[in-house]
Amino acid sequence: MILKFNMLQTICLAIVFYIFGDFLNKKFKCIGNLCIAAPIIGGLIFAIFNLIISRNTNYQISLNTSFNPLLSNIFFTAIGLKISTKLIKKGGNLLIRYWIVCSILSLIQNLLVIKVSGFLNIHPLLSLTCGSTTMQGGHSFALAFGNTIQSLGIKNAIDYGLTSATLGLIFGGLVGGPFGKFLIEKYNLKPNPKEFASRSKVSSETIMSTTITTYSFFKHLLVILICLELSQILCVYFLNSTGWVIPEVVTSIFLAVIIKSIDEKLNFLDLESSTLDLFGDISLGIFLAASLMNLDLYNLSSHIPTILFLVICQLILILLYAYFFCFRFLGKDFTAACMLSGMIGHGLGATPNALANMGELREKYGPAPKAFLVVPLVSSFLMDTTNVPCILFFINFYKN
């Protein structure tokens, strides 16, 4: 018997298991130390529960997650509306170099999984869901691009992507900090005293009001909805005029950045970071929880060895790349070591992983202000400007 949950019931369940995941994160230190987001923990627990129920009883739970694409687009649009060109300029030459190494990483991640796909006897597009799509794009890209790949006739693309993103998140959190520690202790690296005076502080112009009014809520909602509508129009135009498949989430974030850049000069919208954070946190929390809850673990179990092999290949790749090339290219100093612990975090998982890895090093060895400025800027936005075209190239190259 199938127990069908409608959209509202599914949202309620997603919120319940989000809260449960947050409780486990705070209650058990061993779970909290993994820096795995609460909705991912809660969603996976529900997926395991559903697997046990379906395998041992006559019942199976069916969720309605038709709202997920909208939530994904809202999340990325909110991110785009927070990107400040002033902060990007502060990153300077180090930001450019870090952006370059991360962009090269996305290319070789995709080349690696496509090359290995022949050995594993799977479709290149299916292997691509275990490349930079999920390693650097995370669960959000797993769904956004997974939907696109599945629309091309490739089965299990979303499940592959979500599973690889989860495994990458775990590996990125477990390996990033120890790798940075290894570099710091091997080369006896110390924090740069010159950076102490300019320790990362939020400038007065970026401090926004923490009070969210009804007017502020609706104003920001209107801007987000306009971005989403324009995004749909652009995606249809690109498909009809060029034949290229572009997910709406891609055009949404770039339109949001353009609007934010114009607003910085004209100041006609007066966008508030606190309100955008609210939209981003709510949409991402429900989106991730519902997505992981909807994983078909039984159907996916036969694919786990393949996905795990691809993710381990990615882990070996990023460690070799970081040690033999990136460390020297970024300056072979304390800041570089911290940044690389962050790169492993978001290169296999997500930006929160990167910040958690660098935070551990800061607590033990001292501050690295530039690392905390550059890494989030690149991982949360700038990487999309190179990673997205890279993913789209491979999707459209292998779609036939």
Protein backbone atom coordinates (compact mmCIF):
# COMPACT_ATOMS: atom_id res chain seq x y z
CA MET A 1 0.00 0.00 0.00
CA ILE A 2 1.32 3.44 -0.96
CA LEU A 3 0.86 6.25 1.58
CA LYS A 4 0.71 9.38 -0.57
CA PHE A 5 1.59 12.73 0.97
CA ASN A 6 0.40 15.84 -0.85
CA MET A 7 2.55 18.94 -1.28
CA LEU A 8 1.57 20.61 2.01
CA GLN A 9 2.03 17.39 3.97
CA THR A 10 5.43 16.88 2.35
CA ILE A 11 6.51 20.40 3.32
CA CYS A 12 5.37 19.75 6.90
CA LEU A 13 7.39 16.52 7.00
CA ALA A 14 10.43 18.29 5.56
CA ILE A 15 10.26 20.93 8.30
CA VAL A 16 9.85 18.28 11.01
CA PHE A 17 12.92 16.36 9.86
CA TYR A 18 14.88 19.60 9.38
CA ILE A 19 14.24 20.38 13.04
CA PHE A 20 15.13 16.80 13.99
CA GLY A 21 18.42 17.03 12.06
CA ASP A 22 19.23 20.32 13.80
CA PHE A 23 18.51 18.69 17.18
CA LEU A 24 20.91 15.83 16.43
CA ASN A 25 23.57 18.28 15.26
CA LYS A 26 23.42 20.18 18.56
CA LYS A 27 22.82 17.23 20.86
CA PHE A 28 25.61 14.92 19.64
CA LYS A 29 29.07 16.41 19.21
CA CYS A 30 30.25 13.57 16.96
CA ILE A 31 27.52 14.48 14.46
CA GLY A 32 28.02 18.23 14.79
CA ASN A 33 31.75 17.91 14.14
CA LEU A 34 31.03 16.48 10.69
CA CYS A 35 29.54 19.88 9.71
CA ILE A 36 26.72 18.20 7.81
CA ALA A 37 23.71 20.47 7.35
CA ALA A 38 20.64 19.71 9.49
CA PRO A 39 18.25 19.12 6.54
CA ILE A 40 20.67 16.60 5.05
CA ILE A 41 20.84 14.64 8.32
CA GLY A 42 17.06 14.74 8.78
CA GLY A 43 16.35 13.92 5.14
CA LEU A 44 18.67 10.91 5.12
CA ILE A 45 17.14 9.57 8.34
CA PHE A 46 13.69 9.73 6.76
CA ALA A 47 14.98 8.04 3.58
CA ILE A 48 16.44 5.21 5.68
CA PHE A 49 13.19 4.94 7.65
CA ASN A 50 11.18 4.77 4.42
CA LEU A 51 13.52 2.06 3.12
CA ILE A 52 13.01 -0.05 6.26
CA ILE A 53 9.23 0.40 6.11
CA SER A 54 8.97 -0.48 2.42
CA ARG A 55 11.22 -3.55 2.72
CA ASN A 56 9.59 -5.00 5.84
CA THR A 57 5.92 -4.07 5.49
CA ASN A 58 3.32 -3.63 2.79
CA TYR A 59 3.53 0.15 3.12
CA GLN A 60 5.54 2.67 1.15
CA ILE A 61 5.62 6.44 1.57
CA SER A 62 5.29 8.60 -1.54
CA LEU A 63 6.12 12.34 -1.31
CA ASN A 64 5.08 15.21 -3.56
CA THR A 65 8.22 17.32 -4.08
CA SER A 66 6.99 19.28 -7.08
CA PHE A 67 7.83 22.50 -5.21
CA ASN A 68 11.57 21.77 -5.15
CA PRO A 69 12.60 23.44 -8.45
CA LEU A 70 10.96 26.69 -7.28
CA LEU A 71 12.73 26.56 -3.91
CA SER A 72 16.06 25.89 -5.62
CA ASN A 73 15.62 28.92 -7.86
CA ILE A 74 14.64 31.13 -4.92
CA PHE A 75 17.74 30.06 -2.99
CA PHE A 76 20.19 30.82 -5.78
CA THR A 77 18.46 34.09 -6.66
CA ALA A 78 18.79 35.20 -3.03
CA ILE A 79 22.52 34.39 -3.19
CA GLY A 80 22.94 36.41 -6.38
CA LEU A 81 21.21 39.41 -4.83
CA LYS A 82 23.78 39.41 -1.99
CA ILE A 83 26.93 39.41 -4.14
CA SER A 84 28.76 42.72 -3.70
CA THR A 85 31.31 43.91 -6.25
CA LYS A 86 32.97 45.87 -3.43
CA LEU A 87 33.83 42.65 -1.62
CA ILE A 88 35.12 41.06 -4.83
CA LYS A 89 37.50 43.99 -5.36
CA LYS A 90 38.86 43.56 -1.83
CA GLY A 91 39.99 40.02 -2.68
CA GLY A 92 42.56 41.35 -5.16
CA ASN A 93 45.13 39.16 -6.88
CA LEU A 94 44.74 36.28 -4.41
CA LEU A 95 41.05 36.02 -5.24
CA ILE A 96 41.83 35.80 -8.96
CA ARG A 97 44.41 33.07 -8.40
CA TYR A 98 42.07 31.08 -6.18
CA TRP A 99 39.29 31.46 -8.70
CA ILE A 100 41.62 30.13 -11.40
CA VAL A 101 42.62 27.00 -9.46
CA CYS A 102 39.00 26.24 -8.57
CA SER A 103 37.94 26.71 -12.20
CA ILE A 104 40.66 24.35 -13.41
CA LEU A 105 39.53 21.88 -10.75
CA SER A 106 35.95 21.88 -12.08
CA LEU A 107 37.21 21.07 -15.57
CA ILE A 108 39.45 18.19 -14.52
CA GLN A 109 36.76 16.82 -12.18
CA ASN A 110 34.41 16.49 -15.14
CA LEU A 111 37.09 15.07 -17.42
CA LEU A 112 37.95 12.49 -14.75
CA VAL A 113 34.42 11.15 -14.27
CA ILE A 114 33.72 11.06 -18.00
CA LYS A 115 36.94 9.14 -18.58
CA VAL A 116 36.10 6.70 -15.77
CA SER A 117 32.53 6.27 -17.07
CA GLY A 118 33.83 4.09 -19.90
CA PHE A 119 35.55 1.82 -17.39
CA LEU A 120 32.38 1.62 -15.27
CA ASN A 121 30.15 1.13 -18.32
CA ILE A 122 27.77 4.00 -17.48
CA HIS A 123 26.57 6.92 -19.59
CA PRO A 124 28.93 9.95 -19.51
CA LEU A 125 26.04 12.22 -18.46
CA LEU A 126 25.28 9.96 -15.51
CA SER A 127 28.92 10.11 -14.42
CA LEU A 128 28.80 13.89 -14.82
CA THR A 129 26.43 14.03 -11.85
CA CYS A 130 29.43 12.92 -9.77
CA GLY A 131 31.71 15.58 -11.28
CA SER A 132 31.88 19.29 -10.51
CA THR A 133 28.08 19.37 -10.77
CA THR A 134 27.80 17.97 -7.27
CA MET A 135 31.37 18.18 -5.97
CA GLN A 136 31.37 21.98 -6.30
CA GLY A 137 27.67 22.60 -6.87
CA GLY A 138 26.38 20.47 -4.01
CA HIS A 139 22.86 19.16 -3.50
CA SER A 140 21.26 22.19 -5.15
CA PHE A 141 23.09 21.60 -8.44
CA ALA A 142 22.46 17.86 -8.08
CA LEU A 143 18.75 18.58 -8.40
CA ALA A 144 18.95 21.47 -10.85
CA PHE A 145 21.21 19.71 -13.35
CA GLY A 146 19.90 16.27 -12.42
CA ASN A 147 16.46 17.33 -13.64
CA THR A 148 18.04 18.59 -16.88
CA ILE A 149 19.97 15.35 -17.44
CA GLN A 150 16.94 13.20 -16.67
CA SER A 151 14.91 15.20 -19.18
CA LEU A 152 17.43 13.97 -21.77
CA GLY A 153 16.48 10.36 -21.00
CA ILE A 154 19.18 9.48 -18.44
CA LYS A 155 17.61 7.58 -15.54
CA ASN A 156 18.66 7.99 -11.88
CA ALA A 157 20.56 11.24 -12.56
CA ILE A 158 19.02 13.02 -9.55
CA ASP A 159 19.61 10.07 -7.20
CA TYR A 160 23.21 9.74 -8.41
CA GLY A 161 23.77 13.45 -7.89
CA LEU A 162 22.23 13.64 -4.41
CA THR A 163 24.15 10.57 -3.25
CA SER A 164 27.49 11.79 -4.59
CA ALA A 165 26.87 15.25 -3.11
CA THR A 166 26.20 13.68 0.31
CA LEU A 167 29.32 11.49 0.15
CA GLY A 168 31.37 14.46 -1.05
CA LEU A 169 30.08 16.57 1.83
CA ILE A 170 31.22 13.92 4.32
CA PHE A 171 34.66 13.44 2.72
CA GLY A 172 35.17 17.19 2.36
CA GLY A 173 34.42 17.73 6.03
CA LEU A 174 36.60 14.86 7.21
CA VAL A 175 39.65 15.48 5.02
CA GLY A 176 39.87 19.27 4.54
CA GLY A 177 40.93 20.21 8.07
CA PRO A 178 43.56 17.45 8.46
CA PHE A 179 45.03 18.35 5.04
CA GLY A 180 45.46 21.99 6.07
CA LYS A 181 46.99 20.84 9.37
CA PHE A 182 49.44 18.64 7.45
CA LEU A 183 50.62 21.57 5.30
CA ILE A 184 50.94 23.96 8.25
CA GLU A 185 52.98 21.55 10.37
CA LYS A 186 55.11 20.15 7.55
CA TYR A 187 56.23 23.59 6.39
CA ASN A 188 56.06 25.22 9.85
CA LEU A 189 53.70 27.93 8.58
CA LYS A 190 52.63 30.88 10.71
CA PRO A 191 49.88 33.48 10.33
CA ASN A 192 50.96 36.73 8.65
CA PRO A 193 51.12 39.52 11.31
CA LYS A 194 50.41 42.14 8.62
CA GLU A 195 46.95 40.68 8.15
CA PHE A 196 45.99 41.07 11.81
CA ALA A 197 45.35 44.80 11.47
CA SER A 198 43.03 44.20 8.54
CA ARG A 199 41.25 41.25 10.11
CA SER A 200 38.01 40.58 8.35
CA LYS A 201 35.31 42.92 9.59
CA VAL A 202 32.03 43.68 7.96
CA SER A 203 32.21 47.20 6.54
CA SER A 204 29.61 49.72 7.58
CA GLU A 205 28.05 49.79 4.12
CA THR A 206 27.39 46.02 4.21
CA ILE A 207 25.72 46.06 7.63
CA MET A 208 22.00 45.76 7.03
CA SER A 209 19.02 46.10 9.28
CA THR A 210 18.13 42.96 11.19
CA THR A 211 14.46 43.95 11.41
CA ILE A 212 12.35 42.35 8.70
CA THR A 213 9.14 44.25 8.07
CA THR A 214 6.15 43.26 5.95
CA TYR A 215 7.12 45.90 3.40
CA SER A 216 10.71 44.63 3.27
CA PHE A 217 9.55 41.03 2.88
CA PHE A 218 7.26 41.80 -0.06
CA LYS A 219 9.81 44.07 -1.72
CA HIS A 220 12.44 41.34 -1.72
CA LEU A 221 9.91 38.71 -2.75
CA LEU A 222 8.92 40.87 -5.74
CA VAL A 223 12.55 41.23 -6.87
CA ILE A 224 13.10 37.46 -6.56
CA LEU A 225 9.94 36.66 -8.50
CA ILE A 226 10.90 39.10 -11.27
CA CYS A 227 14.28 37.35 -11.55
CA LEU A 228 12.55 33.96 -11.76
CA GLU A 229 10.14 35.10 -14.46
CA LEU A 230 12.91 36.67 -16.56
CA SER A 231 14.94 33.50 -16.03
CA GLN A 232 12.18 31.34 -17.55
CA ILE A 233 11.98 33.63 -20.57
CA LEU A 234 15.77 33.50 -21.10
CA CYS A 235 15.91 29.70 -20.80
CA VAL A 236 13.21 29.27 -23.43
CA TYR A 237 14.95 31.79 -25.70
CA PHE A 238 18.32 29.99 -25.41
CA LEU A 239 16.74 26.63 -26.09
CA ASN A 240 14.83 27.85 -29.15
CA SER A 241 17.63 29.95 -30.63
CA THR A 242 20.73 27.87 -29.83
CA GLY A 243 19.45 24.40 -28.87
CA TRP A 244 21.39 24.65 -25.59
CA VAL A 245 19.71 23.36 -22.43
CA ILE A 246 20.23 25.80 -19.55
CA PRO A 247 18.62 25.21 -16.11
CA GLU A 248 16.58 28.13 -14.79
CA VAL A 249 18.71 28.21 -11.64
CA VAL A 250 21.69 29.35 -13.73
CA THR A 251 20.00 32.30 -15.38
CA SER A 252 18.30 33.21 -12.07
CA ILE A 253 21.54 33.74 -10.19
CA PHE A 254 23.19 35.69 -12.98
CA LEU A 255 20.18 37.98 -13.39
CA ALA A 256 20.21 38.54 -9.63
CA VAL A 257 23.88 39.53 -9.70
CA ILE A 258 23.22 42.00 -12.52
CA ILE A 259 20.35 43.57 -10.58
CA LYS A 260 22.50 43.76 -7.44
CA SER A 261 25.34 45.45 -9.38
CA ILE A 262 22.94 48.06 -10.77
CA ASP A 263 21.42 48.61 -7.33
CA GLU A 264 24.86 49.22 -5.80
CA LYS A 265 25.25 52.24 -8.07
CA LEU A 266 21.67 53.56 -8.13
CA ASN A 267 20.52 52.36 -4.69
CA PHE A 268 16.88 52.19 -5.75
CA LEU A 269 16.05 48.81 -4.17
CA ASP A 270 17.95 49.02 -0.87
CA LEU A 271 18.23 45.23 -0.59
CA GLU A 272 18.83 43.91 2.92
CA SER A 273 21.10 40.97 3.63
CA SER A 274 18.99 39.80 6.59
CA THR A 275 15.84 39.49 4.45
CA LEU A 276 17.70 37.71 1.66
CA ASP A 277 19.20 35.34 4.24
CA LEU A 278 15.68 34.53 5.42
CA PHE A 279 14.53 33.63 1.90
CA GLY A 280 17.72 31.64 1.27
CA ASP A 281 17.69 29.73 4.56
CA ILE A 282 14.01 28.77 4.40
CA SER A 283 14.06 27.70 0.75
CA LEU A 284 17.33 25.77 1.11
CA GLY A 285 16.27 24.05 4.32
CA ILE A 286 12.98 22.71 2.95
CA PHE A 287 14.54 21.99 -0.45
CA LEU A 288 17.38 19.87 0.94
CA ALA A 289 15.26 18.04 3.50
CA ALA A 290 12.56 17.13 0.96
CA SER A 291 15.13 16.10 -1.66
CA LEU A 292 16.98 13.74 0.64
CA MET A 293 13.72 12.37 2.08
CA ASN A 294 12.65 11.47 -1.45
CA LEU A 295 15.77 9.39 -2.17
CA ASP A 296 14.92 5.86 -3.28
CA LEU A 297 17.69 4.08 -1.36
CA TYR A 298 16.55 0.60 -2.40
CA ASN A 299 16.71 1.42 -6.09
CA LEU A 300 19.97 3.26 -5.52
CA SER A 301 21.68 0.53 -3.48
CA SER A 302 22.94 -1.30 -6.56
CA HIS A 303 24.61 1.93 -7.72
CA ILE A 304 26.33 2.83 -4.43
CA PRO A 305 29.66 1.09 -5.27
CA THR A 306 29.84 2.98 -8.58
CA ILE A 307 29.07 6.34 -6.96
CA LEU A 308 31.48 5.70 -4.08
CA PHE A 309 34.25 4.80 -6.53
CA LEU A 310 33.69 8.02 -8.48
CA VAL A 311 33.71 10.13 -5.31
CA ILE A 312 36.91 8.47 -4.03
CA CYS A 313 38.50 9.22 -7.40
CA GLN A 314 37.48 12.85 -6.89
CA LEU A 315 38.99 12.84 -3.39
CA ILE A 316 42.34 11.52 -4.64
CA LEU A 317 42.30 14.03 -7.50
CA ILE A 318 41.70 17.09 -5.32
CA LEU A 319 44.36 16.07 -2.77
CA LEU A 320 47.03 15.60 -5.45
CA TYR A 321 46.00 18.79 -7.25
CA ALA A 322 45.99 20.84 -4.03
CA TYR A 323 49.39 19.59 -2.84
CA PHE A 324 51.41 19.57 -6.05
CA PHE A 325 49.99 22.64 -7.78
CA CYS A 326 47.60 24.84 -5.81
CA PHE A 327 49.72 25.20 -2.66
CA ARG A 328 52.64 26.71 -4.57
CA PHE A 329 50.44 28.75 -6.92
CA LEU A 330 48.67 30.39 -3.98
CA GLY A 331 51.87 31.38 -2.21
CA LYS A 332 52.94 28.35 -0.14
CA ASP A 333 52.13 30.17 3.10
CA PHE A 334 49.73 29.92 6.02
CA THR A 335 46.91 31.61 4.11
CA ALA A 336 47.36 29.19 1.21
CA ALA A 337 47.14 26.19 3.57
CA CYS A 338 43.92 27.51 5.09
CA MET A 339 42.45 28.25 1.67
CA LEU A 340 43.21 24.73 0.46
CA SER A 341 41.50 23.19 3.48
CA GLY A 342 38.54 25.32 2.38
CA MET A 343 38.88 24.26 -1.27
CA ILE A 344 38.69 20.61 -0.28
CA GLY A 345 35.59 21.46 1.75
CA HIS A 346 33.68 23.13 -1.07
CA GLY A 347 35.46 21.24 -3.88
CA LEU A 348 33.91 18.03 -2.55
CA GLY A 349 31.01 19.43 -0.59
CA ALA A 350 29.78 22.95 0.06
CA THR A 351 30.75 26.41 1.32
CA PRO A 352 29.74 25.66 4.95
CA ASN A 353 32.22 22.76 4.85
CA ALA A 354 34.93 25.12 3.65
CA LEU A 355 34.28 27.62 6.44
CA ALA A 356 34.15 24.85 9.05
CA ASN A 357 37.51 23.44 7.88
CA MET A 358 39.17 26.86 7.95
CA GLY A 359 37.55 27.63 11.29
CA GLU A 360 39.22 24.61 12.87
CA LEU A 361 42.62 25.77 11.62
CA ARG A 362 42.00 29.31 12.83
CA GLU A 363 41.15 28.07 16.32
CA LYS A 364 44.34 26.01 16.53
CA TYR A 365 46.94 28.01 14.59
CA GLY A 366 45.68 31.58 14.27
CA PRO A 367 43.72 33.85 11.90
CA ALA A 368 43.84 33.96 8.12
CA PRO A 369 41.56 36.93 7.25
CA LYS A 370 42.20 36.83 3.50
CA ALA A 371 41.26 33.17 3.33
CA PHE A 372 37.93 33.91 5.01
CA LEU A 373 37.29 36.72 2.52
CA VAL A 374 38.34 34.95 -0.67
CA VAL A 375 37.08 31.39 -0.23
CA PRO A 376 33.37 32.18 0.42
CA LEU A 377 33.27 34.73 -2.43
CA VAL A 378 34.66 32.23 -4.91
CA SER A 379 32.78 29.15 -3.70
CA SER A 380 29.38 30.80 -3.30
CA PHE A 381 29.31 32.79 -6.54
CA LEU A 382 32.38 33.27 -8.72
CA MET A 383 32.81 29.54 -9.26
CA ASP A 384 29.37 29.41 -10.83
CA THR A 385 30.56 31.71 -13.62
CA THR A 386 33.04 29.06 -14.75
CA ASN A 387 31.60 25.84 -13.33
CA VAL A 388 28.15 26.31 -14.88
CA PRO A 389 29.44 26.85 -18.46
CA CYS A 390 31.75 23.87 -17.99
CA ILE A 391 28.86 21.62 -16.91
CA LEU A 392 26.61 22.90 -19.69
CA PHE A 393 29.30 22.22 -22.28
CA PHE A 394 29.61 18.57 -21.28
CA ILE A 395 25.81 18.12 -21.00
CA ASN A 396 25.22 19.50 -24.48
CA PHE A 397 28.26 17.69 -25.92
CA TYR A 398 27.05 14.27 -24.71
CA LYS A 399 23.27 14.82 -24.88
CA ASN A 400 23.08 13.05 -28.25
